[in-house]
Amino acid sequence: MPVDTNLLFQPLELPCGAILKNRIAKSGGCVDVVGLARALVLDPALAKNRQAGRVSDPVFPRFGSPPEGGITACYTMRLTELGQGRETDHMPDIETAITNYDTRDTKRIALWNDRFPL
């Protein structure tokens, strides 16, 4: 299927907040990819709220000196909670997230090894 190159040069209205718009402006307006995954994990209704004219930036947690993999574990476990319908208003702390992540992976590895023995 041929690509309509006229679409490549059209302005794109992004559902983003002031921080992202500032970064885009500083880059001369050129953006290849906009990552919204973590913003949507923090505020699953972000897109719906933006479409309804309710604009707010998600509050991203600050981590002092997280251990390796800690931030990823926090977002992964938050996404797991959302996927299981256990939405809360806060991110798990790093230690709890890492423990839950490791526990979940231990169970998943056992299931995988049972299903696909070597």
N, C-alpha and C. Protein backbone atom coordinates (compact mmCIF):
# COMPACT_ATOMS: atom_id res chain seq x y z
N MET A 1 0.84 -1.17 0.00
CA MET A 1 0.00 0.00 0.00
C MET A 1 0.89 1.24 0.00
N PRO A 2 0.71 2.14 -0.94
CA PRO A 2 1.54 3.35 -0.98
C PRO A 2 1.22 4.29 0.18
N VAL A 3 2.24 4.99 0.64
CA VAL A 3 2.09 5.94 1.74
C VAL A 3 1.75 7.31 1.18
N ASP A 4 0.75 7.96 1.76
CA ASP A 4 0.38 9.32 1.36
C ASP A 4 1.36 10.26 2.04
N THR A 5 2.39 10.70 1.31
CA THR A 5 3.42 11.54 1.90
C THR A 5 2.90 12.92 2.29
N ASN A 6 1.75 13.34 1.77
CA ASN A 6 1.18 14.62 2.18
C ASN A 6 0.82 14.60 3.67
N LEU A 7 0.47 13.41 4.18
CA LEU A 7 0.13 13.30 5.59
C LEU A 7 1.35 13.48 6.49
N LEU A 8 2.52 13.18 5.97
CA LEU A 8 3.72 13.26 6.79
C LEU A 8 4.07 14.68 7.19
N PHE A 9 3.60 15.65 6.45
CA PHE A 9 3.97 17.03 6.72
C PHE A 9 2.82 17.86 7.28
N GLN A 10 1.78 17.20 7.75
CA GLN A 10 0.65 17.89 8.35
C GLN A 10 0.91 18.09 9.83
N PRO A 11 0.44 19.21 10.39
CA PRO A 11 0.61 19.40 11.83
C PRO A 11 -0.17 18.36 12.60
N LEU A 12 0.36 17.98 13.72
CA LEU A 12 -0.25 16.96 14.55
C LEU A 12 -0.65 17.59 15.88
N GLU A 13 -1.90 17.48 16.22
CA GLU A 13 -2.37 17.99 17.51
C GLU A 13 -2.19 16.89 18.54
N LEU A 14 -1.33 17.14 19.49
CA LEU A 14 -1.01 16.14 20.49
C LEU A 14 -1.79 16.36 21.77
N PRO A 15 -2.29 15.29 22.38
CA PRO A 15 -2.96 15.42 23.66
C PRO A 15 -1.94 15.44 24.78
N CYS A 16 -1.10 16.49 24.80
CA CYS A 16 -0.03 16.51 25.77
C CYS A 16 -0.06 17.79 26.59
N GLY A 17 0.65 17.74 27.68
CA GLY A 17 0.67 18.87 28.60
C GLY A 17 1.80 19.84 28.31
N ALA A 18 1.94 20.77 29.20
CA ALA A 18 2.89 21.87 29.03
C ALA A 18 4.33 21.38 28.93
N ILE A 19 4.70 20.38 29.72
CA ILE A 19 6.09 19.91 29.70
C ILE A 19 6.45 19.35 28.33
N LEU A 20 5.58 18.50 27.78
CA LEU A 20 5.86 17.90 26.48
C LEU A 20 5.81 18.97 25.39
N LYS A 21 4.85 19.87 25.45
CA LYS A 21 4.77 20.92 24.45
C LYS A 21 6.02 21.79 24.48
N ASN A 22 6.57 22.05 25.65
CA ASN A 22 7.80 22.82 25.78
C ASN A 22 8.97 22.08 25.14
N ARG A 23 9.06 20.78 25.37
CA ARG A 23 10.14 19.99 24.76
C ARG A 23 10.02 19.96 23.24
N ILE A 24 8.79 19.85 22.74
CA ILE A 24 8.58 19.86 21.30
C ILE A 24 9.00 21.20 20.71
N ALA A 25 8.62 22.29 21.40
CA ALA A 25 8.98 23.63 20.92
C ALA A 25 10.50 23.79 20.87
N LYS A 26 11.19 23.30 21.88
CA LYS A 26 12.65 23.40 21.92
C LYS A 26 13.32 22.58 20.83
N SER A 27 12.64 21.54 20.36
CA SER A 27 13.22 20.69 19.32
C SER A 27 12.94 21.23 17.93
N GLY A 28 12.35 22.42 17.83
CA GLY A 28 12.02 22.98 16.53
C GLY A 28 10.73 22.42 15.98
N GLY A 29 9.95 21.76 16.81
CA GLY A 29 8.66 21.22 16.38
C GLY A 29 8.76 19.85 15.73
N CYS A 30 9.97 19.27 15.73
CA CYS A 30 10.16 17.96 15.10
C CYS A 30 10.13 16.87 16.15
N VAL A 31 9.21 15.95 15.99
CA VAL A 31 9.08 14.83 16.92
C VAL A 31 8.88 13.57 16.10
N ASP A 32 9.65 12.53 16.42
CA ASP A 32 9.49 11.26 15.74
C ASP A 32 8.47 10.39 16.47
N VAL A 33 8.59 10.31 17.78
CA VAL A 33 7.73 9.45 18.58
C VAL A 33 7.41 10.16 19.88
N VAL A 34 6.18 10.06 20.29
CA VAL A 34 5.78 10.59 21.59
C VAL A 34 5.34 9.42 22.44
N GLY A 35 6.01 9.23 23.56
CA GLY A 35 5.67 8.13 24.45
C GLY A 35 4.67 8.59 25.51
N LEU A 36 3.52 7.98 25.51
CA LEU A 36 2.49 8.34 26.48
C LEU A 36 2.18 7.20 27.44
N ALA A 37 2.91 6.11 27.35
CA ALA A 37 2.57 4.94 28.15
C ALA A 37 2.57 5.23 29.64
N ARG A 38 3.63 5.84 30.14
CA ARG A 38 3.69 6.10 31.58
C ARG A 38 2.63 7.12 32.00
N ALA A 39 2.37 8.10 31.17
CA ALA A 39 1.32 9.07 31.49
C ALA A 39 -0.04 8.37 31.57
N LEU A 40 -0.30 7.43 30.69
CA LEU A 40 -1.57 6.70 30.70
C LEU A 40 -1.66 5.72 31.86
N VAL A 41 -0.52 5.20 32.31
CA VAL A 41 -0.53 4.33 33.49
C VAL A 41 -0.92 5.16 34.72
N LEU A 42 -0.42 6.38 34.79
CA LEU A 42 -0.73 7.24 35.93
C LEU A 42 -2.15 7.79 35.87
N ASP A 43 -2.65 8.02 34.66
CA ASP A 43 -3.99 8.59 34.49
C ASP A 43 -4.67 7.90 33.31
N PRO A 44 -5.29 6.74 33.54
CA PRO A 44 -5.91 5.98 32.45
C PRO A 44 -6.98 6.76 31.68
N ALA A 45 -7.57 7.77 32.29
CA ALA A 45 -8.62 8.57 31.62
C ALA A 45 -8.04 9.79 30.92
N LEU A 46 -6.72 9.87 30.79
CA LEU A 46 -6.07 11.04 30.22
C LEU A 46 -6.62 11.42 28.85
N ALA A 47 -6.67 10.47 27.93
CA ALA A 47 -7.14 10.78 26.57
C ALA A 47 -8.60 11.21 26.58
N LYS A 48 -9.44 10.50 27.33
CA LYS A 48 -10.86 10.84 27.39
C LYS A 48 -11.04 12.25 27.99
N ASN A 49 -10.27 12.55 29.03
CA ASN A 49 -10.37 13.88 29.64
C ASN A 49 -9.92 14.97 28.68
N ARG A 50 -8.86 14.71 27.93
CA ARG A 50 -8.38 15.71 26.96
C ARG A 50 -9.42 15.97 25.88
N GLN A 51 -10.05 14.91 25.41
CA GLN A 51 -11.08 15.07 24.38
C GLN A 51 -12.26 15.87 24.91
N ALA A 52 -12.53 15.75 26.19
CA ALA A 52 -13.64 16.48 26.81
C ALA A 52 -13.24 17.89 27.22
N GLY A 53 -11.99 18.28 26.93
CA GLY A 53 -11.54 19.62 27.25
C GLY A 53 -11.00 19.78 28.66
N ARG A 54 -10.89 18.69 29.39
CA ARG A 54 -10.32 18.73 30.74
C ARG A 54 -8.83 18.43 30.63
N VAL A 55 -8.01 19.45 30.78
CA VAL A 55 -6.58 19.30 30.57
C VAL A 55 -5.83 19.37 31.89
N SER A 56 -5.07 18.34 32.16
CA SER A 56 -4.18 18.34 33.32
C SER A 56 -3.02 17.41 33.01
N ASP A 57 -1.88 17.71 33.57
CA ASP A 57 -0.72 16.85 33.38
C ASP A 57 -0.68 15.82 34.49
N PRO A 58 -0.37 14.57 34.18
CA PRO A 58 -0.24 13.58 35.24
C PRO A 58 0.91 13.98 36.18
N VAL A 59 0.79 13.62 37.42
CA VAL A 59 1.86 13.88 38.39
C VAL A 59 2.77 12.66 38.41
N PHE A 60 3.96 12.85 37.87
CA PHE A 60 4.91 11.74 37.81
C PHE A 60 5.63 11.62 39.15
N PRO A 61 5.74 10.39 39.66
CA PRO A 61 6.43 10.21 40.94
C PRO A 61 7.92 10.51 40.79
N ARG A 62 8.51 10.94 41.88
CA ARG A 62 9.96 11.21 41.92
C ARG A 62 10.61 10.08 42.71
N PHE A 63 11.70 9.58 42.19
CA PHE A 63 12.43 8.51 42.84
C PHE A 63 13.84 9.02 43.12
N GLY A 64 14.25 9.01 44.38
CA GLY A 64 15.58 9.50 44.76
C GLY A 64 16.69 8.75 44.07
N SER A 65 17.03 7.60 44.58
CA SER A 65 18.08 6.74 44.02
C SER A 65 17.51 5.33 43.90
N PRO A 66 16.68 5.10 42.89
CA PRO A 66 16.03 3.80 42.79
C PRO A 66 17.02 2.70 42.42
N PRO A 67 16.81 1.50 42.94
CA PRO A 67 17.65 0.38 42.52
C PRO A 67 17.39 0.05 41.06
N GLU A 68 18.32 -0.65 40.46
CA GLU A 68 18.17 -1.02 39.05
C GLU A 68 16.87 -1.80 38.85
N GLY A 69 16.09 -1.37 37.88
CA GLY A 69 14.82 -2.02 37.56
C GLY A 69 13.66 -1.57 38.43
N GLY A 70 13.92 -0.72 39.41
CA GLY A 70 12.87 -0.30 40.34
C GLY A 70 11.77 0.51 39.69
N ILE A 71 12.14 1.46 38.86
CA ILE A 71 11.13 2.31 38.21
C ILE A 71 10.30 1.48 37.24
N THR A 72 10.96 0.62 36.48
CA THR A 72 10.22 -0.26 35.56
C THR A 72 9.27 -1.16 36.33
N ALA A 73 9.71 -1.68 37.47
CA ALA A 73 8.85 -2.54 38.28
C ALA A 73 7.63 -1.77 38.77
N CYS A 74 7.82 -0.51 39.17
CA CYS A 74 6.69 0.30 39.65
C CYS A 74 5.64 0.47 38.55
N TYR A 75 6.07 0.87 37.37
CA TYR A 75 5.12 1.09 36.28
C TYR A 75 4.51 -0.23 35.81
N THR A 76 5.31 -1.30 35.77
CA THR A 76 4.79 -2.60 35.33
C THR A 76 3.72 -3.10 36.29
N MET A 77 3.98 -2.98 37.58
CA MET A 77 3.01 -3.48 38.54
C MET A 77 1.77 -2.59 38.59
N ARG A 78 1.93 -1.30 38.34
CA ARG A 78 0.76 -0.41 38.25
C ARG A 78 -0.09 -0.82 37.04
N LEU A 79 0.55 -1.11 35.93
CA LEU A 79 -0.16 -1.55 34.73
C LEU A 79 -0.84 -2.89 34.98
N THR A 80 -0.19 -3.77 35.73
CA THR A 80 -0.79 -5.05 36.09
C THR A 80 -2.05 -4.83 36.92
N GLU A 81 -1.99 -3.91 37.89
CA GLU A 81 -3.16 -3.60 38.71
C GLU A 81 -4.32 -3.11 37.83
N LEU A 82 -4.01 -2.21 36.91
CA LEU A 82 -5.06 -1.68 36.02
C LEU A 82 -5.66 -2.80 35.18
N GLY A 83 -4.81 -3.67 34.65
CA GLY A 83 -5.28 -4.77 33.82
C GLY A 83 -6.14 -5.77 34.57
N GLN A 84 -5.93 -5.86 35.87
CA GLN A 84 -6.70 -6.78 36.70
C GLN A 84 -7.88 -6.09 37.38
N GLY A 85 -8.14 -4.84 37.00
CA GLY A 85 -9.26 -4.10 37.57
C GLY A 85 -9.05 -3.70 39.02
N ARG A 86 -7.79 -3.60 39.45
CA ARG A 86 -7.50 -3.21 40.83
C ARG A 86 -6.88 -1.82 40.86
N GLU A 87 -7.51 -0.87 40.19
CA GLU A 87 -6.97 0.48 40.09
C GLU A 87 -6.96 1.16 41.46
N THR A 88 -5.82 1.79 41.75
CA THR A 88 -5.68 2.58 42.97
C THR A 88 -5.26 3.99 42.55
N ASP A 89 -5.19 4.88 43.52
CA ASP A 89 -4.81 6.26 43.22
C ASP A 89 -3.32 6.53 43.40
N HIS A 90 -2.54 5.50 43.60
CA HIS A 90 -1.13 5.73 43.84
C HIS A 90 -0.26 4.66 43.21
N MET A 91 0.99 5.03 43.01
CA MET A 91 1.99 4.07 42.53
C MET A 91 2.48 3.28 43.72
N PRO A 92 2.82 2.00 43.51
CA PRO A 92 3.41 1.25 44.62
C PRO A 92 4.81 1.78 44.93
N ASP A 93 5.25 1.64 46.18
CA ASP A 93 6.62 2.04 46.49
C ASP A 93 7.57 1.06 45.79
N ILE A 94 8.81 1.48 45.60
CA ILE A 94 9.74 0.70 44.80
C ILE A 94 10.00 -0.69 45.40
N GLU A 95 10.18 -0.78 46.69
CA GLU A 95 10.47 -2.08 47.31
C GLU A 95 9.31 -3.06 47.10
N THR A 96 8.09 -2.57 47.33
CA THR A 96 6.91 -3.42 47.13
C THR A 96 6.78 -3.82 45.67
N ALA A 97 7.00 -2.87 44.77
CA ALA A 97 6.89 -3.15 43.34
C ALA A 97 7.89 -4.21 42.91
N ILE A 98 9.13 -4.09 43.38
CA ILE A 98 10.15 -5.08 43.00
C ILE A 98 9.78 -6.45 43.55
N THR A 99 9.34 -6.51 44.80
CA THR A 99 8.93 -7.79 45.40
C THR A 99 7.79 -8.41 44.61
N ASN A 100 6.75 -7.61 44.32
CA ASN A 100 5.60 -8.11 43.56
C ASN A 100 5.99 -8.53 42.15
N TYR A 101 6.87 -7.76 41.53
CA TYR A 101 7.35 -8.06 40.18
C TYR A 101 8.09 -9.41 40.18
N ASP A 102 9.00 -9.58 41.14
CA ASP A 102 9.76 -10.83 41.22
C ASP A 102 8.85 -12.02 41.52
N THR A 103 7.88 -11.84 42.42
CA THR A 103 6.93 -12.91 42.73
C THR A 103 6.13 -13.29 41.51
N ARG A 104 5.64 -12.27 40.79
CA ARG A 104 4.86 -12.53 39.58
C ARG A 104 5.71 -13.27 38.55
N ASP A 105 6.96 -12.82 38.37
CA ASP A 105 7.82 -13.48 37.38
C ASP A 105 8.15 -14.91 37.76
N THR A 106 8.34 -15.17 39.05
CA THR A 106 8.62 -16.53 39.50
C THR A 106 7.46 -17.45 39.13
N LYS A 107 6.24 -16.99 39.35
CA LYS A 107 5.06 -17.78 38.98
C LYS A 107 4.98 -17.96 37.47
N ARG A 108 5.24 -16.89 36.74
CA ARG A 108 5.15 -16.96 35.28
C ARG A 108 6.21 -17.89 34.70
N ILE A 109 7.40 -17.87 35.26
CA ILE A 109 8.47 -18.74 34.78
C ILE A 109 8.08 -20.20 34.99
N ALA A 110 7.52 -20.49 36.17
CA ALA A 110 7.08 -21.87 36.46
C ALA A 110 6.00 -22.30 35.47
N LEU A 111 5.04 -21.43 35.20
CA LEU A 111 4.00 -21.77 34.22
C LEU A 111 4.58 -21.99 32.83
N TRP A 112 5.49 -21.14 32.44
CA TRP A 112 6.14 -21.25 31.14
C TRP A 112 6.92 -22.56 31.03
N ASN A 113 7.69 -22.87 32.06
CA ASN A 113 8.49 -24.10 32.04
C ASN A 113 7.61 -25.35 32.04
N ASP A 114 6.48 -25.30 32.72
CA ASP A 114 5.54 -26.43 32.69
C ASP A 114 4.95 -26.61 31.31
N ARG A 115 4.65 -25.50 30.68
CA ARG A 115 3.99 -25.54 29.37
C ARG A 115 4.96 -25.91 28.26
N PHE A 116 6.21 -25.47 28.38
CA PHE A 116 7.21 -25.71 27.34
C PHE A 116 8.47 -26.32 27.95
N PRO A 117 8.37 -27.59 28.35
CA PRO A 117 9.55 -28.24 28.96
C PRO A 117 10.68 -28.39 27.94
N LEU A 118 11.89 -28.36 28.50
CA LEU A 118 13.08 -28.52 27.62
C LEU A 118 13.38 -29.96 27.36
